[in-house]
Amino acid sequence: MAHPGGRPTDYKDEYCQMVKDHMAKGYSFESFGALVGCHKQTLYNWQSVHPKFFDSVKEAFELCRLFWEEKGIDLVTGDSNGNATAWIFQMKNRFPEEWKDKKEVDNTHDFKNRPDWLDAAK
């Protein structure tokens, strides 16, 4: 029987646990594609189609963050050797929302409702 809408998916339910195990070791979500033999876009598509996989990926990102934060704690407490600059670089790029130095400020102005005294100064 032909698959409606194209070829059958290569997605398997066991990928939910596998992606969590993979990212809990500090690996990226996209590198999970190499583990299961697919392109990163396929992983993104699976998240859209499989709610359980979507939830597992969200949990996997938190497990990945835990892995890297534990590495940082070990680094600053002297429990491991490493490069603090490389660790910070990793955190800033892997978790930009929490680790970016630059804060975005919306500095736009509404000139339609400006005070009358500004027009009088002309």
Foldseek 3Di string as FASTA:
>chain_A
DQDPPDHDDPDDPCVLVVLLVVLLQQDDSQCVCVVSVHGSVSLVVCVVVPVSSVVSNVNSLVSNVVNLVVVVVCPVVVVDDDDNVVSLVCCCVSPVVVRPPDDDDDPDDDPVPDDPVVVVVD
